[in-house]
Amino acid sequence: MNPKVLFVDDDDKVLSAIYRNFRDRYRLDLASGGPQALRAMEEHGPYAVVVADMAMPGMNGIAFLKKAQVLAPDTVRVMLTGHPGPLTLMEAINNGQVFRFLAKPCPLEDLAAAVDAGVRQHNLATAEKELLERTLAGSLGAMMEILEPLDPGLFRSARVLAERAVKVAQALEVPDLWPITVAALYSPLWLLPLPPSARVDAEPDPVSAGLQAAALARVAGLIQAIPRLEGVAQIIARLAPGPGEPPIGTAILRALLDFRAVELRVQSIPVALEELRLRGGRYDPAVLAALAGVLGLRPGGD
């Protein structure tokens, strides 16, 4: 099947020429500006490659590619520009992670060669990512099956936690769900060694807080040593209270871990959610609102 490619340019003549010359080579979508292209990525993606003009009114190519990177990090980004100065190149590389630059006017064969190279890069990256995720998911599943008899309830909660974490992250439009899912599934690894008194959902005493922090640091350190799991390790390491705003994955997992503990204690989803709301700024309000939606509750109550 031909690769799926999105071209973005505010010049209709350019888009028409691209369509005439490349419609048989790629599965083409065309957009006349950044906002339209972002909608296309949301509604018709994923794309292997997106090619964007630099000089577009309203949202220039760098601004668009920066948003495109967040929306679809696996899509390879190519920029067309008339007179790229050093600052433009630097900003595009740093903020948009541009794969190739092409000077306008660009010969069609050069454009096709750049897109083909982008498709190859996309295929390599996605194949490697899929292999890694499947390998790690299989290894994690096997490990969980071995450890589950030690505390079946804890491991059941981890699966519930992971399912909810994915739904909350999707509601918050978090682009990369996999690290959050894996961090949730790893939760028994840092909770299992703790005595029940140290797993409480209320504010822990100094001894329990110290045990929790040590367990989190130990597991985060182990995960940090596994290639490509740095993001998972960061989510786990920041679960312990500390200065600064935590990553969104940590904010989600922190709220869901405590919510699950309260839910099991009070045996009521609405009451558990209200208890978390009453804890005064301990959790990200956007996360609690998304959790309420996932659970079928109103954002401000049951």
C-alpha atoms as a PDB file:
ATOM      1  CA  MET A   1       0.000   0.000   0.000  1.00  0.00           C
ATOM      2  CA  ASN A   2       1.289   3.479  -0.857  1.00  0.00           C
ATOM      3  CA  PRO A   3       2.497   5.529   2.117  1.00  0.00           C
ATOM      4  CA  LYS A   4       0.217   8.213   3.497  1.00  0.00           C
ATOM      5  CA  VAL A   5       1.627  11.739   3.100  1.00  0.00           C
ATOM      6  CA  LEU A   6       0.273  15.181   4.027  1.00  0.00           C
ATOM      7  CA  PHE A   7       1.367  18.304   2.111  1.00  0.00           C
ATOM      8  CA  VAL A   8       0.749  21.735   3.662  1.00  0.00           C
ATOM      9  CA  ASP A   9       1.050  24.955   1.637  1.00  0.00           C
ATOM     10  CA  ASP A  10      -1.028  28.128   1.401  1.00  0.00           C
ATOM     11  CA  ASP A  11      -0.468  28.295  -2.381  1.00  0.00           C
ATOM     12  CA  ASP A  12      -3.242  26.393  -4.180  1.00  0.00           C
ATOM     13  CA  LYS A  13      -1.146  26.163  -7.348  1.00  0.00           C
ATOM     14  CA  VAL A  14       1.609  24.352  -5.454  1.00  0.00           C
ATOM     15  CA  LEU A  15      -0.897  21.935  -3.944  1.00  0.00           C
ATOM     16  CA  SER A  16      -2.458  21.280  -7.357  1.00  0.00           C
ATOM     17  CA  ALA A  17       0.951  20.509  -8.881  1.00  0.00           C
ATOM     18  CA  ILE A  18       1.793  18.171  -6.012  1.00  0.00           C
ATOM     19  CA  TYR A  19      -1.508  16.350  -6.416  1.00  0.00           C
ATOM     20  CA  ARG A  20      -1.085  15.940 -10.179  1.00  0.00           C
ATOM     21  CA  ASN A  21       2.442  14.577  -9.867  1.00  0.00           C
ATOM     22  CA  PHE A  22       2.226  12.463  -6.712  1.00  0.00           C
ATOM     23  CA  ARG A  23      -1.328  11.157  -6.494  1.00  0.00           C
ATOM     24  CA  ASP A  24      -0.271   7.755  -7.867  1.00  0.00           C
ATOM     25  CA  ARG A  25       2.855   7.564  -5.733  1.00  0.00           C
ATOM     26  CA  TYR A  26       1.390   8.337  -2.290  1.00  0.00           C
ATOM     27  CA  ARG A  27      -1.948   8.375  -0.526  1.00  0.00           C
ATOM     28  CA  LEU A  28      -2.153  12.147  -0.546  1.00  0.00           C
ATOM     29  CA  ASP A  29      -3.926  14.632   1.681  1.00  0.00           C
ATOM     30  CA  LEU A  30      -3.550  18.368   1.086  1.00  0.00           C
ATOM     31  CA  ALA A  31      -3.996  21.268   3.500  1.00  0.00           C
ATOM     32  CA  SER A  32      -3.860  25.001   2.810  1.00  0.00           C
ATOM     33  CA  GLY A  33      -2.600  25.965   6.256  1.00  0.00           C
ATOM     34  CA  GLY A  34      -1.493  24.797   9.697  1.00  0.00           C
ATOM     35  CA  PRO A  35      -4.900  24.634  11.412  1.00  0.00           C
ATOM     36  CA  GLN A  36      -6.425  22.632   8.535  1.00  0.00           C
ATOM     37  CA  ALA A  37      -3.406  20.313   8.543  1.00  0.00           C
ATOM     38  CA  LEU A  38      -3.688  19.673  12.285  1.00  0.00           C
ATOM     39  CA  ARG A  39      -7.352  18.762  11.814  1.00  0.00           C
ATOM     40  CA  ALA A  40      -6.358  16.386   9.026  1.00  0.00           C
ATOM     41  CA  MET A  41      -3.772  14.750  11.304  1.00  0.00           C
ATOM     42  CA  GLU A  42      -6.375  14.279  14.032  1.00  0.00           C
ATOM     43  CA  GLU A  43      -9.124  13.011  11.737  1.00  0.00           C
ATOM     44  CA  HIS A  44      -7.272  11.198   8.934  1.00  0.00           C
ATOM     45  CA  GLY A  45      -3.836  10.301  10.345  1.00  0.00           C
ATOM     46  CA  PRO A  46      -1.476   8.805  11.046  1.00  0.00           C
ATOM     47  CA  TYR A  47       0.750   9.986   8.222  1.00  0.00           C
ATOM     48  CA  ALA A  48       4.175   8.607   7.424  1.00  0.00           C
ATOM     49  CA  VAL A  49       5.443  12.043   6.326  1.00  0.00           C
ATOM     50  CA  VAL A  50       4.173  15.607   6.504  1.00  0.00           C
ATOM     51  CA  VAL A  51       5.692  18.274   4.218  1.00  0.00           C
ATOM     52  CA  ALA A  52       5.042  21.898   5.206  1.00  0.00           C
ATOM     53  CA  ASP A  53       5.891  25.258   3.698  1.00  0.00           C
ATOM     54  CA  MET A  54       7.642  27.687   6.049  1.00  0.00           C
ATOM     55  CA  ALA A  55       6.001  30.978   5.031  1.00  0.00           C
ATOM     56  CA  MET A  56       2.289  30.523   5.709  1.00  0.00           C
ATOM     57  CA  PRO A  57      -0.025  33.200   7.145  1.00  0.00           C
ATOM     58  CA  GLY A  58      -1.345  32.807  10.681  1.00  0.00           C
ATOM     59  CA  MET A  59       0.650  29.721  11.619  1.00  0.00           C
ATOM     60  CA  ASN A  60       4.029  29.397   9.954  1.00  0.00           C
ATOM     61  CA  GLY A  61       5.714  26.093   9.167  1.00  0.00           C
ATOM     62  CA  ILE A  62       7.758  25.942  12.375  1.00  0.00           C
ATOM     63  CA  ALA A  63       4.730  26.592  14.581  1.00  0.00           C
ATOM     64  CA  PHE A  64       2.767  23.941  12.694  1.00  0.00           C
ATOM     65  CA  LEU A  65       5.522  21.317  12.824  1.00  0.00           C
ATOM     66  CA  LYS A  66       6.012  21.913  16.538  1.00  0.00           C
ATOM     67  CA  LYS A  67       2.328  21.115  17.114  1.00  0.00           C
ATOM     68  CA  ALA A  68       2.507  18.215  14.662  1.00  0.00           C
ATOM     69  CA  GLN A  69       5.385  16.720  16.635  1.00  0.00           C
ATOM     70  CA  VAL A  70       3.273  16.675  19.804  1.00  0.00           C
ATOM     71  CA  LEU A  71       0.214  15.371  17.986  1.00  0.00           C
ATOM     72  CA  ALA A  72       2.001  12.612  16.036  1.00  0.00           C
ATOM     73  CA  PRO A  73       5.615  12.150  17.171  1.00  0.00           C
ATOM     74  CA  ASP A  74       6.199   9.220  14.800  1.00  0.00           C
ATOM     75  CA  THR A  75       5.322  11.242  11.682  1.00  0.00           C
ATOM     76  CA  VAL A  76       8.465  12.389   9.843  1.00  0.00           C
ATOM     77  CA  ARG A  77       8.535  16.150   9.232  1.00  0.00           C
ATOM     78  CA  VAL A  78       9.923  17.870   6.103  1.00  0.00           C
ATOM     79  CA  MET A  79      10.046  21.647   5.544  1.00  0.00           C
ATOM     80  CA  LEU A  80       9.962  23.665   2.315  1.00  0.00           C
ATOM     81  CA  THR A  81      11.381  27.164   2.606  1.00  0.00           C
ATOM     82  CA  GLY A  82      12.446  29.942   0.283  1.00  0.00           C
ATOM     83  CA  HIS A  83      15.405  31.532   2.049  1.00  0.00           C
ATOM     84  CA  PRO A  84      16.275  29.627   5.221  1.00  0.00           C
ATOM     85  CA  GLY A  85      18.450  31.744   7.490  1.00  0.00           C
ATOM     86  CA  PRO A  86      20.499  30.158  10.285  1.00  0.00           C
ATOM     87  CA  LEU A  87      17.982  31.161  12.945  1.00  0.00           C
ATOM     88  CA  THR A  88      15.129  29.608  10.971  1.00  0.00           C
ATOM     89  CA  LEU A  89      17.063  26.371  10.550  1.00  0.00           C
ATOM     90  CA  MET A  90      18.006  26.254  14.220  1.00  0.00           C
ATOM     91  CA  GLU A  91      14.456  26.917  15.405  1.00  0.00           C
ATOM     92  CA  ALA A  92      13.008  24.321  13.047  1.00  0.00           C
ATOM     93  CA  ILE A  93      15.504  21.683  14.180  1.00  0.00           C
ATOM     94  CA  ASN A  94      15.114  22.427  17.885  1.00  0.00           C
ATOM     95  CA  ASN A  95      11.366  22.987  17.994  1.00  0.00           C
ATOM     96  CA  GLY A  96       9.997  21.030  15.056  1.00  0.00           C
ATOM     97  CA  GLN A  97      12.522  18.188  14.831  1.00  0.00           C
ATOM     98  CA  VAL A  98      12.661  18.585  11.041  1.00  0.00           C
ATOM     99  CA  PHE A  99      14.024  15.596   9.121  1.00  0.00           C
ATOM    100  CA  ARG A 100      14.857  17.403   5.848  1.00  0.00           C
ATOM    101  CA  PHE A 101      14.924  20.980   4.518  1.00  0.00           C
ATOM    102  CA  LEU A 102      14.138  21.667   0.863  1.00  0.00           C
ATOM    103  CA  ALA A 103      14.648  25.021  -0.854  1.00  0.00           C
ATOM    104  CA  LYS A 104      11.834  26.474  -2.949  1.00  0.00           C
ATOM    105  CA  PRO A 105      11.384  26.138  -5.853  1.00  0.00           C
ATOM    106  CA  CYS A 106      12.099  22.442  -5.375  1.00  0.00           C
ATOM    107  CA  PRO A 107      12.422  20.031  -8.320  1.00  0.00           C
ATOM    108  CA  LEU A 108       9.797  17.327  -8.138  1.00  0.00           C
ATOM    109  CA  GLU A 109      12.387  14.549  -8.162  1.00  0.00           C
ATOM    110  CA  ASP A 110      14.159  16.099  -5.156  1.00  0.00           C
ATOM    111  CA  LEU A 111      10.851  16.419  -3.315  1.00  0.00           C
ATOM    112  CA  ALA A 112       9.971  12.805  -4.091  1.00  0.00           C
ATOM    113  CA  ALA A 113      13.415  11.635  -2.928  1.00  0.00           C
ATOM    114  CA  ALA A 114      13.035  13.501   0.383  1.00  0.00           C
ATOM    115  CA  VAL A 115       9.557  12.096   0.970  1.00  0.00           C
ATOM    116  CA  ASP A 116      10.736   8.574   0.119  1.00  0.00           C
ATOM    117  CA  ALA A 117      13.599   8.950   2.599  1.00  0.00           C
ATOM    118  CA  GLY A 118      11.104  10.152   5.194  1.00  0.00           C
ATOM    119  CA  VAL A 119       8.881   7.141   4.556  1.00  0.00           C
ATOM    120  CA  ARG A 120      11.859   4.814   5.077  1.00  0.00           C
ATOM    121  CA  GLN A 121      12.740   6.612   8.295  1.00  0.00           C
ATOM    122  CA  HIS A 122       9.133   6.341   9.493  1.00  0.00           C
ATOM    123  CA  ASN A 123       8.980   2.634   8.698  1.00  0.00           C
ATOM    124  CA  LEU A 124      12.226   1.953  10.564  1.00  0.00           C
ATOM    125  CA  ALA A 125      11.176   3.968  13.608  1.00  0.00           C
ATOM    126  CA  THR A 126       7.691   2.508  13.873  1.00  0.00           C
ATOM    127  CA  ALA A 127       8.896  -1.069  13.324  1.00  0.00           C
ATOM    128  CA  GLU A 128      11.546  -0.652  16.025  1.00  0.00           C
ATOM    129  CA  LYS A 129       9.026   0.911  18.392  1.00  0.00           C
ATOM    130  CA  GLU A 130       6.459  -1.831  17.793  1.00  0.00           C
ATOM    131  CA  LEU A 131       9.066  -4.553  18.336  1.00  0.00           C
ATOM    132  CA  LEU A 132      10.288  -2.922  21.533  1.00  0.00           C
ATOM    133  CA  GLU A 133       6.795  -2.421  22.922  1.00  0.00           C
ATOM    134  CA  ARG A 134       5.708  -5.964  22.082  1.00  0.00           C
ATOM    135  CA  THR A 135       8.893  -7.425  23.587  1.00  0.00           C
ATOM    136  CA  LEU A 136       8.640  -5.404  26.764  1.00  0.00           C
ATOM    137  CA  ALA A 137       4.909  -5.961  27.060  1.00  0.00           C
ATOM    138  CA  GLY A 138       5.439  -9.722  26.761  1.00  0.00           C
ATOM    139  CA  SER A 139       8.251  -9.666  29.326  1.00  0.00           C
ATOM    140  CA  LEU A 140       6.193  -7.539  31.694  1.00  0.00           C
ATOM    141  CA  GLY A 141       3.178  -9.834  31.315  1.00  0.00           C
ATOM    142  CA  ALA A 142       5.264 -12.896  32.098  1.00  0.00           C
ATOM    143  CA  MET A 143       6.773 -11.234  35.148  1.00  0.00           C
ATOM    144  CA  MET A 144       3.349 -10.185  36.405  1.00  0.00           C
ATOM    145  CA  GLU A 145       2.024 -13.738  36.082  1.00  0.00           C
ATOM    146  CA  ILE A 146       4.959 -15.043  38.129  1.00  0.00           C
ATOM    147  CA  LEU A 147       4.548 -12.413  40.863  1.00  0.00           C
ATOM    148  CA  GLU A 148       0.738 -12.172  40.978  1.00  0.00           C
ATOM    149  CA  PRO A 149       0.228 -15.049  43.485  1.00  0.00           C
ATOM    150  CA  LEU A 150       2.175 -12.989  46.055  1.00  0.00           C
ATOM    151  CA  ASP A 151      -0.633 -10.404  46.198  1.00  0.00           C
ATOM    152  CA  PRO A 152      -3.471 -11.070  43.694  1.00  0.00           C
ATOM    153  CA  GLY A 153      -5.474  -8.028  44.755  1.00  0.00           C
ATOM    154  CA  LEU A 154      -2.569  -5.679  44.176  1.00  0.00           C
ATOM    155  CA  PHE A 155      -1.968  -6.997  40.667  1.00  0.00           C
ATOM    156  CA  ARG A 156      -5.684  -6.837  39.804  1.00  0.00           C
ATOM    157  CA  SER A 157      -5.640  -3.200  40.877  1.00  0.00           C
ATOM    158  CA  ALA A 158      -2.636  -2.564  38.632  1.00  0.00           C
ATOM    159  CA  ARG A 159      -4.609  -3.723  35.594  1.00  0.00           C
ATOM    160  CA  VAL A 160      -7.549  -1.513  36.568  1.00  0.00           C
ATOM    161  CA  LEU A 161      -5.106   1.339  37.108  1.00  0.00           C
ATOM    162  CA  ALA A 162      -3.526   0.898  33.673  1.00  0.00           C
ATOM    163  CA  GLU A 163      -6.897   0.792  31.903  1.00  0.00           C
ATOM    164  CA  ARG A 164      -8.059   3.963  33.621  1.00  0.00           C
ATOM    165  CA  ALA A 165      -4.717   5.709  33.072  1.00  0.00           C
ATOM    166  CA  VAL A 166      -4.986   5.186  29.300  1.00  0.00           C
ATOM    167  CA  LYS A 167      -8.532   6.567  29.211  1.00  0.00           C
ATOM    168  CA  VAL A 168      -7.640   9.606  31.335  1.00  0.00           C
ATOM    169  CA  ALA A 169      -4.544  10.299  29.213  1.00  0.00           C
ATOM    170  CA  GLN A 170      -6.625  10.059  26.040  1.00  0.00           C
ATOM    171  CA  ALA A 171      -9.177  12.491  27.493  1.00  0.00           C
ATOM    172  CA  LEU A 172      -6.318  14.912  28.225  1.00  0.00           C
ATOM    173  CA  GLU A 173      -4.911  14.402  24.700  1.00  0.00           C
ATOM    174  CA  VAL A 174      -1.581  13.091  25.963  1.00  0.00           C
ATOM    175  CA  PRO A 175       0.275  12.017  22.783  1.00  0.00           C
ATOM    176  CA  ASP A 176       2.302   9.066  24.126  1.00  0.00           C
ATOM    177  CA  LEU A 177       0.196   6.658  26.172  1.00  0.00           C
ATOM    178  CA  TRP A 178       2.589   3.748  26.381  1.00  0.00           C
ATOM    179  CA  PRO A 179       4.919   5.045  29.178  1.00  0.00           C
ATOM    180  CA  ILE A 180       1.912   5.832  31.367  1.00  0.00           C
ATOM    181  CA  THR A 181       0.445   2.376  30.780  1.00  0.00           C
ATOM    182  CA  VAL A 182       3.716   0.620  31.629  1.00  0.00           C
ATOM    183  CA  ALA A 183       4.268   2.777  34.725  1.00  0.00           C
ATOM    184  CA  ALA A 184       0.782   1.839  35.951  1.00  0.00           C
ATOM    185  CA  LEU A 185       1.415  -1.858  35.367  1.00  0.00           C
ATOM    186  CA  TYR A 186       4.695  -1.583  37.265  1.00  0.00           C
ATOM    187  CA  SER A 187       2.932  -0.242  40.372  1.00  0.00           C
ATOM    188  CA  PRO A 188       2.972  -3.618  42.209  1.00  0.00           C
ATOM    189  CA  LEU A 189       6.762  -3.626  41.982  1.00  0.00           C
ATOM    190  CA  TRP A 190       7.112  -0.659  44.336  1.00  0.00           C
ATOM    191  CA  LEU A 191       4.020  -1.368  46.439  1.00  0.00           C
ATOM    192  CA  LEU A 192       4.614  -5.079  46.989  1.00  0.00           C
ATOM    193  CA  PRO A 193       7.567  -4.716  49.415  1.00  0.00           C
ATOM    194  CA  LEU A 194       5.698  -2.144  51.533  1.00  0.00           C
ATOM    195  CA  PRO A 195       3.730  -3.156  54.626  1.00  0.00           C
ATOM    196  CA  PRO A 196      -0.016  -2.403  54.394  1.00  0.00           C
ATOM    197  CA  SER A 197       0.406   0.566  56.713  1.00  0.00           C
ATOM    198  CA  ALA A 198       2.743   2.203  54.176  1.00  0.00           C
ATOM    199  CA  ARG A 199       0.276   1.797  51.294  1.00  0.00           C
ATOM    200  CA  VAL A 200      -2.351   4.064  52.818  1.00  0.00           C
ATOM    201  CA  ASP A 201      -3.986   6.618  50.562  1.00  0.00           C
ATOM    202  CA  ALA A 202      -4.045   9.386  53.193  1.00  0.00           C
ATOM    203  CA  GLU A 203      -1.037  11.597  53.943  1.00  0.00           C
ATOM    204  CA  PRO A 204       1.638   9.091  55.071  1.00  0.00           C
ATOM    205  CA  ASP A 205       3.564   9.461  58.315  1.00  0.00           C
ATOM    206  CA  PRO A 206       7.320  10.157  58.004  1.00  0.00           C
ATOM    207  CA  VAL A 207       8.274   6.484  58.278  1.00  0.00           C
ATOM    208  CA  SER A 208       5.767   5.373  55.633  1.00  0.00           C
ATOM    209  CA  ALA A 209       6.739   8.297  53.382  1.00  0.00           C
ATOM    210  CA  GLY A 210      10.384   7.281  53.656  1.00  0.00           C
ATOM    211  CA  LEU A 211       9.585   3.667  52.760  1.00  0.00           C
ATOM    212  CA  GLN A 212       7.513   4.788  49.778  1.00  0.00           C
ATOM    213  CA  ALA A 213      10.241   7.121  48.494  1.00  0.00           C
ATOM    214  CA  ALA A 214      12.901   4.412  48.846  1.00  0.00           C
ATOM    215  CA  ALA A 215      10.749   1.838  47.002  1.00  0.00           C
ATOM    216  CA  LEU A 216       9.968   4.291  44.183  1.00  0.00           C
ATOM    217  CA  ALA A 217      13.633   5.256  43.812  1.00  0.00           C
ATOM    218  CA  ARG A 218      14.693   1.602  43.723  1.00  0.00           C
ATOM    219  CA  VAL A 219      12.206   0.640  40.999  1.00  0.00           C
ATOM    220  CA  ALA A 220      12.828   3.836  38.993  1.00  0.00           C
ATOM    221  CA  GLY A 221      16.558   3.121  39.087  1.00  0.00           C
ATOM    222  CA  LEU A 222      16.056  -0.408  37.811  1.00  0.00           C
ATOM    223  CA  ILE A 223      13.777   0.747  34.994  1.00  0.00           C
ATOM    224  CA  GLN A 224      16.119   3.600  34.068  1.00  0.00           C
ATOM    225  CA  ALA A 225      18.733   1.013  33.130  1.00  0.00           C
ATOM    226  CA  ILE A 226      16.414  -0.547  30.504  1.00  0.00           C
ATOM    227  CA  PRO A 227      16.808   1.118  27.067  1.00  0.00           C
ATOM    228  CA  ARG A 228      13.833   3.229  25.940  1.00  0.00           C
ATOM    229  CA  LEU A 229      12.135   3.122  29.356  1.00  0.00           C
ATOM    230  CA  GLU A 230      13.530   6.443  30.562  1.00  0.00           C
ATOM    231  CA  GLY A 231      10.077   8.033  30.332  1.00  0.00           C
ATOM    232  CA  VAL A 232       8.554   5.275  32.461  1.00  0.00           C
ATOM    233  CA  ALA A 233      11.313   5.697  35.047  1.00  0.00           C
ATOM    234  CA  GLN A 234      10.711   9.451  35.190  1.00  0.00           C
ATOM    235  CA  ILE A 235       6.980   8.978  35.796  1.00  0.00           C
ATOM    236  CA  ILE A 236       7.694   6.596  38.675  1.00  0.00           C
ATOM    237  CA  ALA A 237      10.543   8.603  40.228  1.00  0.00           C
ATOM    238  CA  ARG A 238       8.409  11.759  40.432  1.00  0.00           C
ATOM    239  CA  LEU A 239       5.522  10.006  42.225  1.00  0.00           C
ATOM    240  CA  ALA A 240       7.239  10.798  45.515  1.00  0.00           C
ATOM    241  CA  PRO A 241       6.262  14.331  46.669  1.00  0.00           C
ATOM    242  CA  GLY A 242       8.793  16.949  45.680  1.00  0.00           C
ATOM    243  CA  PRO A 243       9.248  20.475  44.324  1.00  0.00           C
ATOM    244  CA  GLY A 244       8.162  21.475  40.855  1.00  0.00           C
ATOM    245  CA  GLU A 245       5.298  20.452  38.618  1.00  0.00           C
ATOM    246  CA  PRO A 246       5.345  16.713  37.874  1.00  0.00           C
ATOM    247  CA  PRO A 247       5.108  15.296  34.327  1.00  0.00           C
ATOM    248  CA  ILE A 248       1.553  14.683  33.164  1.00  0.00           C
ATOM    249  CA  GLY A 249       2.077  10.920  33.436  1.00  0.00           C
ATOM    250  CA  THR A 250       3.049  11.308  37.090  1.00  0.00           C
ATOM    251  CA  ALA A 251       0.071  13.590  37.768  1.00  0.00           C
ATOM    252  CA  ILE A 252      -2.293  11.001  36.265  1.00  0.00           C
ATOM    253  CA  LEU A 253      -0.764   8.045  38.074  1.00  0.00           C
ATOM    254  CA  ARG A 254      -0.540   9.858  41.404  1.00  0.00           C
ATOM    255  CA  ALA A 255      -4.263  10.643  41.336  1.00  0.00           C
ATOM    256  CA  LEU A 256      -5.310   7.201  40.103  1.00  0.00           C
ATOM    257  CA  LEU A 257      -3.210   5.312  42.663  1.00  0.00           C
ATOM    258  CA  ASP A 258      -4.809   7.222  45.521  1.00  0.00           C
ATOM    259  CA  PHE A 259      -8.248   7.007  43.929  1.00  0.00           C
ATOM    260  CA  ARG A 260      -7.995   3.216  43.690  1.00  0.00           C
ATOM    261  CA  ALA A 261      -6.936   2.957  47.335  1.00  0.00           C
ATOM    262  CA  VAL A 262      -9.842   5.154  48.484  1.00  0.00           C
ATOM    263  CA  GLU A 263     -12.267   3.326  46.202  1.00  0.00           C
ATOM    264  CA  LEU A 264     -11.358  -0.016  47.777  1.00  0.00           C
ATOM    265  CA  ARG A 265     -11.700   1.459  51.274  1.00  0.00           C
ATOM    266  CA  VAL A 266     -15.054   3.247  50.863  1.00  0.00           C
ATOM    267  CA  GLN A 267     -16.527   0.923  48.189  1.00  0.00           C
ATOM    268  CA  SER A 268     -18.010   3.886  46.308  1.00  0.00           C
ATOM    269  CA  ILE A 269     -16.651   5.553  43.172  1.00  0.00           C
ATOM    270  CA  PRO A 270     -18.450   8.927  43.674  1.00  0.00           C
ATOM    271  CA  VAL A 271     -17.412   9.107  47.345  1.00  0.00           C
ATOM    272  CA  ALA A 272     -13.814   8.219  46.465  1.00  0.00           C
ATOM    273  CA  LEU A 273     -13.637  10.919  43.819  1.00  0.00           C
ATOM    274  CA  GLU A 274     -15.118  13.518  46.158  1.00  0.00           C
ATOM    275  CA  GLU A 275     -12.566  12.616  48.829  1.00  0.00           C
ATOM    276  CA  LEU A 276      -9.755  13.298  46.375  1.00  0.00           C
ATOM    277  CA  ARG A 277     -11.329  16.644  45.419  1.00  0.00           C
ATOM    278  CA  LEU A 278     -11.394  17.654  49.097  1.00  0.00           C
ATOM    279  CA  ARG A 279      -7.659  17.142  49.524  1.00  0.00           C
ATOM    280  CA  GLY A 280      -6.970  20.692  48.454  1.00  0.00           C
ATOM    281  CA  GLY A 281      -4.597  20.987  45.515  1.00  0.00           C
ATOM    282  CA  ARG A 282      -2.890  17.649  45.964  1.00  0.00           C
ATOM    283  CA  TYR A 283      -3.993  16.511  42.505  1.00  0.00           C
ATOM    284  CA  ASP A 284      -4.175  18.173  39.110  1.00  0.00           C
ATOM    285  CA  PRO A 285      -7.793  19.424  38.685  1.00  0.00           C
ATOM    286  CA  ALA A 286      -7.699  18.564  34.977  1.00  0.00           C
ATOM    287  CA  VAL A 287      -6.789  14.962  35.841  1.00  0.00           C
ATOM    288  CA  LEU A 288      -9.672  14.708  38.325  1.00  0.00           C
ATOM    289  CA  ALA A 289     -12.079  16.186  35.768  1.00  0.00           C
ATOM    290  CA  ALA A 290     -10.902  13.692  33.132  1.00  0.00           C
ATOM    291  CA  LEU A 291     -11.208  10.843  35.639  1.00  0.00           C
ATOM    292  CA  ALA A 292     -14.770  11.907  36.413  1.00  0.00           C
ATOM    293  CA  GLY A 293     -15.587  11.784  32.714  1.00  0.00           C
ATOM    294  CA  VAL A 294     -13.998   8.346  32.329  1.00  0.00           C
ATOM    295  CA  LEU A 295     -16.073   7.095  35.258  1.00  0.00           C
ATOM    296  CA  GLY A 296     -19.280   8.619  33.850  1.00  0.00           C
ATOM    297  CA  LEU A 297     -19.555  11.255  36.585  1.00  0.00           C
ATOM    298  CA  ARG A 298     -20.048  14.986  36.314  1.00  0.00           C
ATOM    299  CA  PRO A 299     -16.777  16.935  36.603  1.00  0.00           C
ATOM    300  CA  GLY A 300     -17.889  18.666  39.807  1.00  0.00           C
ATOM    301  CA  GLY A 301     -19.820  15.877  41.476  1.00  0.00           C
ATOM    302  CA  ASP A 302     -21.681  12.606  41.012  1.00  0.00           C
END
